[in-house]
Amino acid sequence: QVPLVESGGGLAQPGGSLRLSCAATGRISGIKTMGWYRQAPGKERELVAVFTGDSRPNYGDSVKGRFTISRNKARDSVYLQMNSLNYEDTAVYYCNVNTPWGSYWGQGTQVTVSQ
C-alpha cells in the first residue's frame, strides 16, 4: 500500500477557486491512471479529472472548462486547479492511482462551496 496524501481542500465562495494537491509518500511503479474523484453526500463517487496511460487528461462533464488537472511525474504528484466553483462542487475529493497491481486512494479532502 502506498499512501496518497491530499491537501488543499477547504471553504470557497461561489465563483472562487481552490487548488488540491496529492502526493504519493512512496514511489509508485506502473501507473496506469492518476487523478481525482469526488463524492457528494447521498451521491455516488464520480470522476472529476484523471490522466490516462497516454497522459491525456479526461474530465467529468460537470467540471470541463473550470477545472484543470496537472501532474509532476517525477514526484508522483497530481494537482487540481478548481475555478468558478459552484455549490454542486461541494464534496469530498479523493486522489486515486491505478496500477496493474492495485488501486490506491487517498483519505479524501473536503471542499465546501458556500456564501
N, C-alpha and C. Protein backbone atom coordinates (compact mmCIF):
# COMPACT_ATOMS: atom_id res chain seq x y z
N GLN A 1 0.84 -1.19 0.00
CA GLN A 1 0.00 0.00 0.00
C GLN A 1 0.88 1.24 0.00
N VAL A 2 0.59 2.15 -0.90
CA VAL A 2 1.33 3.42 -0.97
C VAL A 2 0.37 4.53 -0.61
N PRO A 3 0.50 5.10 0.55
CA PRO A 3 -0.44 6.16 0.93
C PRO A 3 -0.35 7.36 0.01
N LEU A 4 -1.50 7.93 -0.24
CA LEU A 4 -1.61 9.15 -1.00
C LEU A 4 -2.07 10.24 -0.05
N VAL A 5 -1.37 11.33 -0.04
CA VAL A 5 -1.68 12.42 0.88
C VAL A 5 -2.24 13.59 0.10
N GLU A 6 -3.45 13.98 0.44
CA GLU A 6 -4.12 15.09 -0.23
C GLU A 6 -4.08 16.33 0.65
N SER A 7 -4.12 17.47 0.02
CA SER A 7 -4.19 18.73 0.74
C SER A 7 -4.84 19.78 -0.14
N GLY A 8 -5.26 20.87 0.48
CA GLY A 8 -5.76 21.99 -0.29
C GLY A 8 -7.26 22.19 -0.26
N GLY A 9 -8.00 21.29 0.34
CA GLY A 9 -9.43 21.48 0.44
C GLY A 9 -9.77 22.60 1.39
N GLY A 10 -11.05 22.92 1.46
CA GLY A 10 -11.47 23.97 2.37
C GLY A 10 -12.76 24.60 1.91
N LEU A 11 -12.95 25.82 2.33
CA LEU A 11 -14.17 26.57 2.05
C LEU A 11 -13.90 27.61 0.97
N ALA A 12 -14.79 27.70 0.01
CA ALA A 12 -14.69 28.71 -1.03
C ALA A 12 -16.08 29.28 -1.31
N GLN A 13 -16.11 30.50 -1.77
CA GLN A 13 -17.37 31.12 -2.15
C GLN A 13 -17.70 30.75 -3.60
N PRO A 14 -18.95 30.80 -3.96
CA PRO A 14 -19.30 30.56 -5.37
C PRO A 14 -18.52 31.50 -6.28
N GLY A 15 -17.97 30.93 -7.34
CA GLY A 15 -17.13 31.70 -8.24
C GLY A 15 -15.67 31.73 -7.84
N GLY A 16 -15.37 31.20 -6.68
CA GLY A 16 -13.99 31.20 -6.18
C GLY A 16 -13.17 30.05 -6.71
N SER A 17 -11.97 29.94 -6.16
CA SER A 17 -11.02 28.92 -6.62
C SER A 17 -10.36 28.22 -5.44
N LEU A 18 -9.99 26.99 -5.69
CA LEU A 18 -9.17 26.20 -4.77
C LEU A 18 -8.22 25.35 -5.59
N ARG A 19 -7.13 24.95 -4.95
CA ARG A 19 -6.17 24.07 -5.62
C ARG A 19 -5.90 22.88 -4.71
N LEU A 20 -6.10 21.70 -5.22
CA LEU A 20 -5.85 20.47 -4.48
C LEU A 20 -4.52 19.86 -4.92
N SER A 21 -3.86 19.24 -3.96
CA SER A 21 -2.61 18.55 -4.24
C SER A 21 -2.68 17.13 -3.72
N CYS A 22 -2.00 16.24 -4.40
CA CYS A 22 -1.93 14.84 -3.97
C CYS A 22 -0.52 14.34 -4.25
N ALA A 23 0.09 13.78 -3.24
CA ALA A 23 1.43 13.25 -3.40
C ALA A 23 1.51 11.85 -2.83
N ALA A 24 2.21 10.98 -3.52
CA ALA A 24 2.44 9.64 -3.00
C ALA A 24 3.61 9.68 -2.03
N THR A 25 3.46 9.00 -0.93
CA THR A 25 4.54 9.00 0.07
C THR A 25 5.64 8.02 -0.28
N GLY A 26 5.40 7.20 -1.29
CA GLY A 26 6.43 6.30 -1.77
C GLY A 26 6.40 6.26 -3.28
N ARG A 27 7.41 5.66 -3.89
CA ARG A 27 7.47 5.57 -5.34
C ARG A 27 6.44 4.57 -5.84
N ILE A 28 5.70 4.95 -6.88
CA ILE A 28 4.69 4.07 -7.48
C ILE A 28 5.13 3.71 -8.88
N SER A 29 5.21 2.44 -9.15
CA SER A 29 5.59 2.00 -10.49
C SER A 29 4.37 1.52 -11.26
N GLY A 30 4.44 1.64 -12.58
CA GLY A 30 3.38 1.12 -13.43
C GLY A 30 2.08 1.87 -13.35
N ILE A 31 2.15 3.19 -13.15
CA ILE A 31 0.92 3.97 -13.05
C ILE A 31 0.16 3.91 -14.36
N LYS A 32 -1.09 3.51 -14.29
CA LYS A 32 -1.95 3.48 -15.47
C LYS A 32 -2.80 4.75 -15.54
N THR A 33 -3.39 5.12 -14.42
CA THR A 33 -4.15 6.36 -14.36
C THR A 33 -3.87 7.03 -13.01
N MET A 34 -3.99 8.33 -12.99
CA MET A 34 -3.79 9.09 -11.76
C MET A 34 -4.66 10.32 -11.83
N GLY A 35 -5.46 10.54 -10.79
CA GLY A 35 -6.33 11.69 -10.86
C GLY A 35 -7.23 11.83 -9.67
N TRP A 36 -8.38 12.46 -9.91
CA TRP A 36 -9.27 12.87 -8.84
C TRP A 36 -10.71 12.39 -9.09
N TYR A 37 -11.33 11.99 -8.00
CA TYR A 37 -12.74 11.67 -7.98
C TYR A 37 -13.36 12.44 -6.82
N ARG A 38 -14.66 12.51 -6.80
CA ARG A 38 -15.34 13.19 -5.69
C ARG A 38 -16.64 12.48 -5.36
N GLN A 39 -17.06 12.69 -4.11
CA GLN A 39 -18.32 12.11 -3.65
C GLN A 39 -19.05 13.12 -2.80
N ALA A 40 -20.23 13.48 -3.27
CA ALA A 40 -21.09 14.39 -2.52
C ALA A 40 -22.03 13.57 -1.64
N PRO A 41 -22.57 14.16 -0.58
CA PRO A 41 -23.47 13.43 0.31
C PRO A 41 -24.65 12.83 -0.45
N GLY A 42 -24.88 11.55 -0.25
CA GLY A 42 -26.01 10.89 -0.88
C GLY A 42 -25.81 10.55 -2.34
N LYS A 43 -24.62 10.79 -2.86
CA LYS A 43 -24.36 10.51 -4.27
C LYS A 43 -23.21 9.52 -4.41
N GLU A 44 -23.11 8.93 -5.59
CA GLU A 44 -22.02 8.01 -5.86
C GLU A 44 -20.74 8.79 -6.17
N ARG A 45 -19.63 8.10 -5.98
CA ARG A 45 -18.34 8.71 -6.33
C ARG A 45 -18.28 8.89 -7.84
N GLU A 46 -17.78 10.04 -8.28
CA GLU A 46 -17.75 10.33 -9.70
C GLU A 46 -16.38 10.86 -10.13
N LEU A 47 -16.09 10.68 -11.40
CA LEU A 47 -14.85 11.17 -11.96
C LEU A 47 -14.84 12.69 -11.99
N VAL A 48 -13.72 13.27 -11.56
CA VAL A 48 -13.51 14.70 -11.73
C VAL A 48 -12.53 14.92 -12.88
N ALA A 49 -11.32 14.40 -12.72
CA ALA A 49 -10.31 14.56 -13.76
C ALA A 49 -9.24 13.49 -13.53
N VAL A 50 -8.73 12.93 -14.62
CA VAL A 50 -7.75 11.87 -14.48
C VAL A 50 -6.82 11.87 -15.69
N PHE A 51 -5.56 11.56 -15.44
CA PHE A 51 -4.61 11.30 -16.51
C PHE A 51 -4.66 9.82 -16.84
N THR A 52 -4.80 9.53 -18.12
CA THR A 52 -4.80 8.14 -18.57
C THR A 52 -3.38 7.74 -18.99
N GLY A 53 -3.26 6.52 -19.49
CA GLY A 53 -1.94 5.99 -19.81
C GLY A 53 -1.17 6.80 -20.82
N ASP A 54 -1.86 7.48 -21.72
CA ASP A 54 -1.16 8.28 -22.72
C ASP A 54 -0.96 9.72 -22.24
N SER A 55 -1.20 9.94 -20.95
CA SER A 55 -1.01 11.24 -20.30
C SER A 55 -2.00 12.31 -20.76
N ARG A 56 -3.06 11.91 -21.42
CA ARG A 56 -4.08 12.88 -21.78
C ARG A 56 -5.07 12.99 -20.63
N PRO A 57 -5.48 14.19 -20.27
CA PRO A 57 -6.44 14.34 -19.19
C PRO A 57 -7.87 14.09 -19.66
N ASN A 58 -8.62 13.43 -18.83
CA ASN A 58 -10.05 13.27 -19.05
C ASN A 58 -10.79 13.99 -17.93
N TYR A 59 -11.82 14.70 -18.27
CA TYR A 59 -12.59 15.46 -17.29
C TYR A 59 -14.03 14.99 -17.25
N GLY A 60 -14.59 15.05 -16.04
CA GLY A 60 -16.02 14.85 -15.92
C GLY A 60 -16.76 16.00 -16.59
N ASP A 61 -17.92 15.72 -17.13
CA ASP A 61 -18.65 16.74 -17.88
C ASP A 61 -18.95 17.98 -17.04
N SER A 62 -19.20 17.80 -15.77
CA SER A 62 -19.62 18.92 -14.93
C SER A 62 -18.48 19.88 -14.60
N VAL A 63 -17.24 19.49 -14.86
CA VAL A 63 -16.12 20.35 -14.49
C VAL A 63 -15.33 20.84 -15.70
N LYS A 64 -15.68 20.37 -16.89
CA LYS A 64 -14.94 20.78 -18.09
C LYS A 64 -14.96 22.30 -18.24
N GLY A 65 -13.79 22.86 -18.53
CA GLY A 65 -13.68 24.29 -18.71
C GLY A 65 -13.48 25.06 -17.42
N ARG A 66 -13.64 24.40 -16.29
CA ARG A 66 -13.47 25.09 -14.99
C ARG A 66 -12.31 24.52 -14.18
N PHE A 67 -12.10 23.23 -14.28
CA PHE A 67 -11.04 22.57 -13.52
C PHE A 67 -9.91 22.18 -14.45
N THR A 68 -8.69 22.19 -13.92
CA THR A 68 -7.53 21.78 -14.68
C THR A 68 -6.67 20.84 -13.84
N ILE A 69 -6.36 19.69 -14.40
CA ILE A 69 -5.50 18.74 -13.72
C ILE A 69 -4.09 18.87 -14.26
N SER A 70 -3.13 18.75 -13.38
CA SER A 70 -1.73 18.77 -13.79
C SER A 70 -0.97 17.72 -12.98
N ARG A 71 0.25 17.47 -13.40
CA ARG A 71 0.95 16.34 -12.81
C ARG A 71 2.45 16.58 -12.78
N ASN A 72 3.09 16.08 -11.74
CA ASN A 72 4.55 16.05 -11.65
C ASN A 72 4.95 14.58 -11.61
N LYS A 73 5.32 14.05 -12.76
CA LYS A 73 5.61 12.63 -12.84
C LYS A 73 6.79 12.24 -11.96
N ALA A 74 7.77 13.11 -11.88
CA ALA A 74 8.97 12.78 -11.11
C ALA A 74 8.66 12.59 -9.63
N ARG A 75 7.62 13.25 -9.17
CA ARG A 75 7.27 13.19 -7.75
C ARG A 75 6.01 12.39 -7.50
N ASP A 76 5.48 11.75 -8.54
CA ASP A 76 4.21 11.02 -8.40
C ASP A 76 3.17 11.90 -7.70
N SER A 77 3.04 13.11 -8.20
CA SER A 77 2.09 14.05 -7.63
C SER A 77 1.11 14.50 -8.69
N VAL A 78 -0.07 14.85 -8.24
CA VAL A 78 -1.10 15.35 -9.15
C VAL A 78 -1.83 16.49 -8.47
N TYR A 79 -2.26 17.45 -9.26
CA TYR A 79 -2.88 18.67 -8.74
C TYR A 79 -4.19 18.92 -9.45
N LEU A 80 -5.06 19.65 -8.79
CA LEU A 80 -6.34 20.01 -9.39
C LEU A 80 -6.62 21.47 -9.10
N GLN A 81 -6.57 22.28 -10.13
CA GLN A 81 -6.94 23.69 -10.02
C GLN A 81 -8.42 23.81 -10.31
N MET A 82 -9.17 24.32 -9.35
CA MET A 82 -10.62 24.42 -9.47
C MET A 82 -11.00 25.87 -9.50
N ASN A 83 -11.56 26.31 -10.60
CA ASN A 83 -12.01 27.69 -10.76
C ASN A 83 -13.52 27.73 -10.96
N SER A 84 -14.08 28.90 -10.80
CA SER A 84 -15.53 29.09 -10.98
C SER A 84 -16.32 28.05 -10.20
N LEU A 85 -15.97 27.87 -8.96
CA LEU A 85 -16.64 26.86 -8.13
C LEU A 85 -18.11 27.22 -7.94
N ASN A 86 -18.94 26.19 -7.88
CA ASN A 86 -20.36 26.39 -7.58
C ASN A 86 -20.78 25.42 -6.49
N TYR A 87 -22.01 25.58 -6.03
CA TYR A 87 -22.48 24.78 -4.90
C TYR A 87 -22.41 23.28 -5.18
N GLU A 88 -22.61 22.91 -6.43
CA GLU A 88 -22.61 21.49 -6.78
C GLU A 88 -21.21 20.87 -6.72
N ASP A 89 -20.19 21.68 -6.55
CA ASP A 89 -18.83 21.15 -6.41
C ASP A 89 -18.53 20.72 -4.98
N THR A 90 -19.42 21.00 -4.06
CA THR A 90 -19.23 20.59 -2.68
C THR A 90 -19.19 19.06 -2.59
N ALA A 91 -18.11 18.54 -2.06
CA ALA A 91 -17.93 17.09 -1.99
C ALA A 91 -16.61 16.78 -1.29
N VAL A 92 -16.41 15.52 -1.00
CA VAL A 92 -15.09 15.05 -0.59
C VAL A 92 -14.35 14.62 -1.85
N TYR A 93 -13.16 15.15 -2.01
CA TYR A 93 -12.36 14.88 -3.21
C TYR A 93 -11.28 13.86 -2.86
N TYR A 94 -11.17 12.83 -3.70
CA TYR A 94 -10.23 11.74 -3.46
C TYR A 94 -9.21 11.65 -4.58
N CYS A 95 -7.98 11.48 -4.20
CA CYS A 95 -6.93 11.19 -5.15
C CYS A 95 -6.90 9.69 -5.40
N ASN A 96 -6.64 9.29 -6.63
CA ASN A 96 -6.65 7.88 -6.99
C ASN A 96 -5.51 7.56 -7.95
N VAL A 97 -4.88 6.44 -7.72
CA VAL A 97 -3.85 5.92 -8.62
C VAL A 97 -4.17 4.46 -8.92
N ASN A 98 -4.15 4.11 -10.18
CA ASN A 98 -4.36 2.73 -10.60
C ASN A 98 -3.09 2.18 -11.21
N THR A 99 -2.71 0.98 -10.79
CA THR A 99 -1.57 0.27 -11.35
C THR A 99 -2.02 -1.15 -11.70
N PRO A 100 -1.21 -1.88 -12.41
CA PRO A 100 -1.58 -3.28 -12.69
C PRO A 100 -1.72 -4.13 -11.42
N TRP A 101 -1.18 -3.60 -10.34
CA TRP A 101 -1.17 -4.39 -9.10
C TRP A 101 -2.18 -3.93 -8.07
N GLY A 102 -2.89 -2.85 -8.36
CA GLY A 102 -3.88 -2.40 -7.40
C GLY A 102 -4.28 -0.96 -7.61
N SER A 103 -5.33 -0.58 -6.87
CA SER A 103 -5.85 0.77 -6.93
C SER A 103 -5.66 1.41 -5.56
N TYR A 104 -5.14 2.63 -5.54
CA TYR A 104 -4.87 3.33 -4.29
C TYR A 104 -5.71 4.58 -4.19
N TRP A 105 -6.17 4.85 -2.97
CA TRP A 105 -7.00 6.03 -2.71
C TRP A 105 -6.42 6.82 -1.56
N GLY A 106 -6.56 8.14 -1.67
CA GLY A 106 -6.22 8.99 -0.55
C GLY A 106 -7.35 9.00 0.46
N GLN A 107 -7.12 9.72 1.55
CA GLN A 107 -8.12 9.75 2.62
C GLN A 107 -9.26 10.71 2.31
N GLY A 108 -9.08 11.54 1.32
CA GLY A 108 -10.12 12.50 0.94
C GLY A 108 -9.91 13.85 1.58
N THR A 109 -10.29 14.89 0.85
CA THR A 109 -10.23 16.25 1.39
C THR A 109 -11.55 16.95 1.07
N GLN A 110 -12.10 17.61 2.06
CA GLN A 110 -13.41 18.23 1.91
C GLN A 110 -13.30 19.56 1.18
N VAL A 111 -14.16 19.74 0.20
CA VAL A 111 -14.32 21.02 -0.48
C VAL A 111 -15.76 21.46 -0.27
N THR A 112 -15.93 22.64 0.29
CA THR A 112 -17.26 23.18 0.54
C THR A 112 -17.38 24.53 -0.13
N VAL A 113 -18.41 24.66 -0.95
CA VAL A 113 -18.68 25.93 -1.62
C VAL A 113 -19.91 26.54 -0.98
N SER A 114 -19.71 27.70 -0.37
CA SER A 114 -20.80 28.31 0.38
C SER A 114 -20.55 29.81 0.49
N GLN A 115 -21.65 30.58 0.63
CA GLN A 115 -21.52 32.03 0.83
C GLN A 115 -20.95 32.31 2.19
